[in-house]
Amino acid sequence: MLLNAAVLDHLVVEILDARGEAIPGFRSSVVRGNGQQLVVAWPEGSGLSDLEGRRVKLRFRLNDAEIFGFQTR
């Protein structure tokens, strides 16, 4: 996942199932920095392809940060 964001303190992304429960292994590392292609990294062994075909929600936890857009690949 790539973010277009300005992160002065920190940002974390969590992936939730359709009921809003956190999916184990899908809480990102802390993202910091400013840019159009900030990389969201998942714990070792987790990848978005593991969630293919599932309905999910994203939770963005921001502290002194702004998100302008995101994309998955």
PDB file of N, CA and C in Angstrom:
ATOM      1  N   MET A   1       0.846  -1.162   0.000  1.00  0.00           N
ATOM      2  CA  MET A   1       0.000   0.000   0.000  1.00  0.00           C
ATOM      3  C   MET A   1       0.896   1.231   0.000  1.00  0.00           C
ATOM      4  N   LEU A   2       0.490   2.213  -0.777  1.00  0.00           N
ATOM      5  CA  LEU A   2       1.212   3.481  -0.836  1.00  0.00           C
ATOM      6  C   LEU A   2       0.291   4.599  -0.372  1.00  0.00           C
ATOM      7  N   LEU A   3       0.858   5.557   0.355  1.00  0.00           N
ATOM      8  CA  LEU A   3       0.098   6.698   0.827  1.00  0.00           C
ATOM      9  C   LEU A   3       0.651   7.982   0.244  1.00  0.00           C
ATOM     10  N   ASN A   4      -0.237   8.902  -0.036  1.00  0.00           N
ATOM     11  CA  ASN A   4       0.134  10.280  -0.303  1.00  0.00           C
ATOM     12  C   ASN A   4      -0.238  10.996   0.981  1.00  0.00           C
ATOM     13  N   ALA A   5       0.764  11.364   1.783  1.00  0.00           N
ATOM     14  CA  ALA A   5       0.470  11.874   3.119  1.00  0.00           C
ATOM     15  C   ALA A   5       1.564  12.805   3.613  1.00  0.00           C
ATOM     16  N   ALA A   6       1.183  13.595   4.607  1.00  0.00           N
ATOM     17  CA  ALA A   6       2.116  14.422   5.364  1.00  0.00           C
ATOM     18  C   ALA A   6       2.016  13.943   6.808  1.00  0.00           C
ATOM     19  N   VAL A   7       3.053  13.270   7.266  1.00  0.00           N
ATOM     20  CA  VAL A   7       3.030  12.659   8.589  1.00  0.00           C
ATOM     21  C   VAL A   7       4.113  13.325   9.440  1.00  0.00           C
ATOM     22  N   LEU A   8       3.686  14.234  10.305  1.00  0.00           N
ATOM     23  CA  LEU A   8       4.638  14.927  11.172  1.00  0.00           C
ATOM     24  C   LEU A   8       5.010  14.075  12.385  1.00  0.00           C
ATOM     25  N   ASP A   9       4.055  13.319  12.923  1.00  0.00           N
ATOM     26  CA  ASP A   9       4.346  12.454  14.058  1.00  0.00           C
ATOM     27  C   ASP A   9       4.327  10.996  13.603  1.00  0.00           C
ATOM     28  N   HIS A  10       3.134  10.381  13.524  1.00  0.00           N
ATOM     29  CA  HIS A  10       3.093   8.992  13.044  1.00  0.00           C
ATOM     30  C   HIS A  10       1.702   8.627  12.543  1.00  0.00           C
ATOM     31  N   LEU A  11       1.676   7.524  11.813  1.00  0.00           N
ATOM     32  CA  LEU A  11       0.448   6.997  11.226  1.00  0.00           C
ATOM     33  C   LEU A  11       0.566   5.481  11.219  1.00  0.00           C
ATOM     34  N   VAL A  12      -0.525   4.785  11.526  1.00  0.00           N
ATOM     35  CA  VAL A  12      -0.569   3.325  11.484  1.00  0.00           C
ATOM     36  C   VAL A  12      -1.845   2.927  10.749  1.00  0.00           C
ATOM     37  N   VAL A  13      -1.758   1.895   9.909  1.00  0.00           N
ATOM     38  CA  VAL A  13      -2.922   1.390   9.186  1.00  0.00           C
ATOM     39  C   VAL A  13      -3.245  -0.002   9.723  1.00  0.00           C
ATOM     40  N   GLU A  14      -4.533  -0.241   9.981  1.00  0.00           N
ATOM     41  CA  GLU A  14      -4.995  -1.562  10.389  1.00  0.00           C
ATOM     42  C   GLU A  14      -6.040  -2.028   9.383  1.00  0.00           C
ATOM     43  N   ILE A  15      -6.046  -3.320   9.099  1.00  0.00           N
ATOM     44  CA  ILE A  15      -7.069  -3.888   8.223  1.00  0.00           C
ATOM     45  C   ILE A  15      -8.032  -4.683   9.090  1.00  0.00           C
ATOM     46  N   LEU A  16      -9.323  -4.406   8.890  1.00  0.00           N
ATOM     47  CA  LEU A  16     -10.388  -5.012   9.676  1.00  0.00           C
ATOM     48  C   LEU A  16     -11.241  -5.906   8.789  1.00  0.00           C
ATOM     49  N   ASP A  17     -11.874  -6.897   9.393  1.00  0.00           N
ATOM     50  CA  ASP A  17     -12.809  -7.729   8.638  1.00  0.00           C
ATOM     51  C   ASP A  17     -14.133  -6.971   8.488  1.00  0.00           C
ATOM     52  N   ALA A  18     -15.105  -7.585   7.842  1.00  0.00           N
ATOM     53  CA  ALA A  18     -16.382  -6.923   7.555  1.00  0.00           C
ATOM     54  C   ALA A  18     -17.133  -6.529   8.826  1.00  0.00           C
ATOM     55  N   ARG A  19     -16.860  -7.202   9.938  1.00  0.00           N
ATOM     56  CA  ARG A  19     -17.517  -6.876  11.214  1.00  0.00           C
ATOM     57  C   ARG A  19     -16.791  -5.769  11.977  1.00  0.00           C
ATOM     58  N   GLY A  20     -15.634  -5.352  11.474  1.00  0.00           N
ATOM     59  CA  GLY A  20     -14.859  -4.317  12.145  1.00  0.00           C
ATOM     60  C   GLY A  20     -13.829  -4.832  13.127  1.00  0.00           C
ATOM     61  N   GLU A  21     -13.576  -6.141  13.088  1.00  0.00           N
ATOM     62  CA  GLU A  21     -12.571  -6.759  13.959  1.00  0.00           C
ATOM     63  C   GLU A  21     -11.214  -6.733  13.258  1.00  0.00           C
ATOM     64  N   ALA A  22     -10.165  -6.421  14.006  1.00  0.00           N
ATOM     65  CA  ALA A  22      -8.816  -6.394  13.445  1.00  0.00           C
ATOM     66  C   ALA A  22      -8.419  -7.785  12.953  1.00  0.00           C
ATOM     67  N   ILE A  23      -7.821  -7.856  11.766  1.00  0.00           N
ATOM     68  CA  ILE A  23      -7.331  -9.118  11.216  1.00  0.00           C
ATOM     69  C   ILE A  23      -5.889  -9.293  11.692  1.00  0.00           C
ATOM     70  N   PRO A  24      -5.587 -10.379  12.400  1.00  0.00           N
ATOM     71  CA  PRO A  24      -4.221 -10.589  12.899  1.00  0.00           C
ATOM     72  C   PRO A  24      -3.197 -10.517  11.764  1.00  0.00           C
ATOM     73  N   GLY A  25      -2.081  -9.843  12.049  1.00  0.00           N
ATOM     74  CA  GLY A  25      -1.008  -9.721  11.076  1.00  0.00           C
ATOM     75  C   GLY A  25      -1.162  -8.542  10.132  1.00  0.00           C
ATOM     76  N   PHE A  26      -2.225  -7.764  10.301  1.00  0.00           N
ATOM     77  CA  PHE A  26      -2.446  -6.635   9.404  1.00  0.00           C
ATOM     78  C   PHE A  26      -2.553  -5.314  10.156  1.00  0.00           C
ATOM     79  N   ARG A  27      -1.563  -5.085  11.003  1.00  0.00           N
ATOM     80  CA  ARG A  27      -1.345  -3.779  11.625  1.00  0.00           C
ATOM     81  C   ARG A  27       0.023  -3.333  11.133  1.00  0.00           C
ATOM     82  N   SER A  28       0.051  -2.214  10.432  1.00  0.00           N
ATOM     83  CA  SER A  28       1.282  -1.792   9.773  1.00  0.00           C
ATOM     84  C   SER A  28       2.333  -1.317  10.768  1.00  0.00           C
ATOM     85  N   SER A  29       3.545  -1.244  10.267  1.00  0.00           N
ATOM     86  CA  SER A  29       4.597  -0.560  11.000  1.00  0.00           C
ATOM     87  C   SER A  29       4.249   0.922  11.010  1.00  0.00           C
ATOM     88  N   VAL A  30       4.873   1.664  11.892  1.00  0.00           N
ATOM     89  CA  VAL A  30       4.636   3.107  11.966  1.00  0.00           C
ATOM     90  C   VAL A  30       5.167   3.767  10.699  1.00  0.00           C
ATOM     91  N   VAL A  31       4.333   4.626  10.117  1.00  0.00           N
ATOM     92  CA  VAL A  31       4.719   5.383   8.926  1.00  0.00           C
ATOM     93  C   VAL A  31       5.052   6.801   9.373  1.00  0.00           C
ATOM     94  N   ARG A  32       6.163   7.321   8.851  1.00  0.00           N
ATOM     95  CA  ARG A  32       6.568   8.698   9.121  1.00  0.00           C
ATOM     96  C   ARG A  32       7.081   9.313   7.826  1.00  0.00           C
ATOM     97  N   GLY A  33       6.970  10.628   7.723  1.00  0.00           N
ATOM     98  CA  GLY A  33       7.522  11.334   6.572  1.00  0.00           C
ATOM     99  C   GLY A  33       6.444  12.028   5.763  1.00  0.00           C
ATOM    100  N   ASN A  34       6.873  12.643   4.700  1.00  0.00           N
ATOM    101  CA  ASN A  34       5.980  13.352   3.795  1.00  0.00           C
ATOM    102  C   ASN A  34       6.284  12.887   2.381  1.00  0.00           C
ATOM    103  N   GLY A  35       5.247  12.627   1.615  1.00  0.00           N
ATOM    104  CA  GLY A  35       5.490  12.240   0.238  1.00  0.00           C
ATOM    105  C   GLY A  35       4.261  11.657  -0.421  1.00  0.00           C
ATOM    106  N   GLN A  36       4.419  11.414  -1.711  1.00  0.00           N
ATOM    107  CA  GLN A  36       3.318  10.883  -2.510  1.00  0.00           C
ATOM    108  C   GLN A  36       3.341   9.366  -2.594  1.00  0.00           C
ATOM    109  N   GLN A  37       4.424   8.733  -2.157  1.00  0.00           N
ATOM    110  CA  GLN A  37       4.511   7.274  -2.219  1.00  0.00           C
ATOM    111  C   GLN A  37       5.149   6.704  -0.952  1.00  0.00           C
ATOM    112  N   LEU A  38       4.573   7.058   0.188  1.00  0.00           N
ATOM    113  CA  LEU A  38       5.053   6.486   1.441  1.00  0.00           C
ATOM    114  C   LEU A  38       4.590   5.028   1.512  1.00  0.00           C
ATOM    115  N   VAL A  39       5.490   4.138   1.803  1.00  0.00           N
ATOM    116  CA  VAL A  39       5.188   2.708   1.809  1.00  0.00           C
ATOM    117  C   VAL A  39       4.637   2.290   3.165  1.00  0.00           C
ATOM    118  N   VAL A  40       3.515   1.575   3.128  1.00  0.00           N
ATOM    119  CA  VAL A  40       2.939   0.967   4.326  1.00  0.00           C
ATOM    120  C   VAL A  40       3.455  -0.471   4.367  1.00  0.00           C
ATOM    121  N   ALA A  41       4.193  -0.798   5.425  1.00  0.00           N
ATOM    122  CA  ALA A  41       4.783  -2.136   5.542  1.00  0.00           C
ATOM    123  C   ALA A  41       4.006  -2.968   6.557  1.00  0.00           C
ATOM    124  N   TRP A  42       3.735  -4.207   6.191  1.00  0.00           N
ATOM    125  CA  TRP A  42       3.030  -5.153   7.053  1.00  0.00           C
ATOM    126  C   TRP A  42       4.055  -6.079   7.687  1.00  0.00           C
ATOM    127  N   PRO A  43       3.711  -6.721   8.808  1.00  0.00           N
ATOM    128  CA  PRO A  43       4.644  -7.662   9.435  1.00  0.00           C
ATOM    129  C   PRO A  43       5.077  -8.752   8.444  1.00  0.00           C
ATOM    130  N   GLU A  44       6.238  -9.295   8.689  1.00  0.00           N
ATOM    131  CA  GLU A  44       6.786 -10.358   7.831  1.00  0.00           C
ATOM    132  C   GLU A  44       5.756 -11.468   7.644  1.00  0.00           C
ATOM    133  N   GLY A  45       5.565 -11.869   6.410  1.00  0.00           N
ATOM    134  CA  GLY A  45       4.644 -12.956   6.105  1.00  0.00           C
ATOM    135  C   GLY A  45       3.239 -12.505   5.766  1.00  0.00           C
ATOM    136  N   SER A  46       2.919 -11.224   5.977  1.00  0.00           N
ATOM    137  CA  SER A  46       1.588 -10.715   5.661  1.00  0.00           C
ATOM    138  C   SER A  46       1.651  -9.908   4.370  1.00  0.00           C
ATOM    139  N   GLY A  47       0.677 -10.124   3.513  1.00  0.00           N
ATOM    140  CA  GLY A  47       0.595  -9.370   2.270  1.00  0.00           C
ATOM    141  C   GLY A  47      -0.856  -9.183   1.884  1.00  0.00           C
ATOM    142  N   LEU A  48      -1.150  -8.089   1.209  1.00  0.00           N
ATOM    143  CA  LEU A  48      -2.522  -7.809   0.829  1.00  0.00           C
ATOM    144  C   LEU A  48      -3.119  -8.905  -0.045  1.00  0.00           C
ATOM    145  N   SER A  49      -2.291  -9.625  -0.781  1.00  0.00           N
ATOM    146  CA  SER A  49      -2.814 -10.703  -1.625  1.00  0.00           C
ATOM    147  C   SER A  49      -3.460 -11.804  -0.777  1.00  0.00           C
ATOM    148  N   ASP A  50      -3.068 -11.912   0.503  1.00  0.00           N
ATOM    149  CA  ASP A  50      -3.684 -12.887   1.405  1.00  0.00           C
ATOM    150  C   ASP A  50      -5.158 -12.581   1.659  1.00  0.00           C
ATOM    151  N   LEU A  51      -5.571 -11.341   1.379  1.00  0.00           N
ATOM    152  CA  LEU A  51      -6.943 -10.905   1.654  1.00  0.00           C
ATOM    153  C   LEU A  51      -7.812 -10.870   0.399  1.00  0.00           C
ATOM    154  N   GLU A  52      -7.272 -11.308  -0.716  1.00  0.00           N
ATOM    155  CA  GLU A  52      -8.004 -11.254  -1.985  1.00  0.00           C
ATOM    156  C   GLU A  52      -9.354 -11.961  -1.872  1.00  0.00           C
ATOM    157  N   GLY A  53     -10.395 -11.285  -2.333  1.00  0.00           N
ATOM    158  CA  GLY A  53     -11.733 -11.838  -2.316  1.00  0.00           C
ATOM    159  C   GLY A  53     -12.495 -11.589  -1.014  1.00  0.00           C
ATOM    160  N   ARG A  54     -11.820 -11.045  -0.019  1.00  0.00           N
ATOM    161  CA  ARG A  54     -12.477 -10.765   1.264  1.00  0.00           C
ATOM    162  C   ARG A  54     -12.908  -9.305   1.319  1.00  0.00           C
ATOM    163  N   ARG A  55     -14.014  -9.052   1.966  1.00  0.00           N
ATOM    164  CA  ARG A  55     -14.469  -7.679   2.211  1.00  0.00           C
ATOM    165  C   ARG A  55     -13.749  -7.179   3.459  1.00  0.00           C
ATOM    166  N   VAL A  56     -13.019  -6.072   3.329  1.00  0.00           N
ATOM    167  CA  VAL A  56     -12.253  -5.535   4.450  1.00  0.00           C
ATOM    168  C   VAL A  56     -12.501  -4.035   4.595  1.00  0.00           C
ATOM    169  N   LYS A  57     -12.114  -3.534   5.759  1.00  0.00           N
ATOM    170  CA  LYS A  57     -12.159  -2.100   6.040  1.00  0.00           C
ATOM    171  C   LYS A  57     -10.763  -1.670   6.448  1.00  0.00           C
ATOM    172  N   LEU A  58     -10.448  -0.409   6.200  1.00  0.00           N
ATOM    173  CA  LEU A  58      -9.165   0.143   6.625  1.00  0.00           C
ATOM    174  C   LEU A  58      -9.398   1.101   7.776  1.00  0.00           C
ATOM    175  N   ARG A  59      -8.528   1.016   8.766  1.00  0.00           N
ATOM    176  CA  ARG A  59      -8.553   1.980   9.876  1.00  0.00           C
ATOM    177  C   ARG A  59      -7.207   2.697   9.863  1.00  0.00           C
ATOM    178  N   PHE A  60      -7.272   4.001   9.721  1.00  0.00           N
ATOM    179  CA  PHE A  60      -6.067   4.819   9.743  1.00  0.00           C
ATOM    180  C   PHE A  60      -5.992   5.497  11.106  1.00  0.00           C
ATOM    181  N   ARG A  61      -4.923   5.271  11.831  1.00  0.00           N
ATOM    182  CA  ARG A  61      -4.699   5.926  13.126  1.00  0.00           C
ATOM    183  C   ARG A  61      -3.617   6.984  12.905  1.00  0.00           C
ATOM    184  N   LEU A  62      -4.025   8.236  13.026  1.00  0.00           N
ATOM    185  CA  LEU A  62      -3.136   9.347  12.733  1.00  0.00           C
ATOM    186  C   LEU A  62      -2.873  10.181  13.971  1.00  0.00           C
ATOM    187  N   ASN A  63      -1.649  10.636  14.081  1.00  0.00           N
ATOM    188  CA  ASN A  63      -1.289  11.597  15.103  1.00  0.00           C
ATOM    189  C   ASN A  63      -0.457  12.670  14.416  1.00  0.00           C
ATOM    190  N   ASP A  64      -1.023  13.851  14.299  1.00  0.00           N
ATOM    191  CA  ASP A  64      -0.396  14.973  13.609  1.00  0.00           C
ATOM    192  C   ASP A  64      -0.002  14.560  12.184  1.00  0.00           C
ATOM    193  N   ALA A  65      -1.013  14.105  11.444  1.00  0.00           N
ATOM    194  CA  ALA A  65      -0.788  13.627  10.082  1.00  0.00           C
ATOM    195  C   ALA A  65      -2.020  13.896   9.222  1.00  0.00           C
ATOM    196  N   GLU A  66      -1.810  13.973   7.916  1.00  0.00           N
ATOM    197  CA  GLU A  66      -2.895  14.129   6.947  1.00  0.00           C
ATOM    198  C   GLU A  66      -2.691  13.121   5.830  1.00  0.00           C
ATOM    199  N   ILE A  67      -3.774  12.494   5.394  1.00  0.00           N
ATOM    200  CA  ILE A  67      -3.741  11.581   4.252  1.00  0.00           C
ATOM    201  C   ILE A  67      -4.473  12.263   3.104  1.00  0.00           C
ATOM    202  N   PHE A  68      -3.819  12.294   1.947  1.00  0.00           N
ATOM    203  CA  PHE A  68      -4.421  12.893   0.761  1.00  0.00           C
ATOM    204  C   PHE A  68      -4.932  11.821  -0.210  1.00  0.00           C
ATOM    205  N   GLY A  69      -4.394  10.615  -0.097  1.00  0.00           N
ATOM    206  CA  GLY A  69      -4.830   9.519  -0.949  1.00  0.00           C
ATOM    207  C   GLY A  69      -4.015   8.264  -0.639  1.00  0.00           C
ATOM    208  N   PHE A  70      -4.495   7.126  -1.162  1.00  0.00           N
ATOM    209  CA  PHE A  70      -3.760   5.874  -0.995  1.00  0.00           C
ATOM    210  C   PHE A  70      -4.075   4.955  -2.168  1.00  0.00           C
ATOM    211  N   GLN A  71      -3.196   3.987  -2.371  1.00  0.00           N
ATOM    212  CA  GLN A  71      -3.439   2.971  -3.397  1.00  0.00           C
ATOM    213  C   GLN A  71      -2.840   1.650  -2.943  1.00  0.00           C
ATOM    214  N   THR A  72      -3.444   0.580  -3.414  1.00  0.00           N
ATOM    215  CA  THR A  72      -2.913  -0.754  -3.141  1.00  0.00           C
ATOM    216  C   THR A  72      -2.367  -1.302  -4.444  1.00  0.00           C
ATOM    217  N   ARG A  73      -1.436  -2.216  -4.296  1.00  0.00           N
ATOM    218  CA  ARG A  73      -0.878  -2.839  -5.501  1.00  0.00           C
ATOM    219  C   ARG A  73      -0.603  -4.288  -5.249  1.00  0.00           C
TER     220      ARG A  73
END
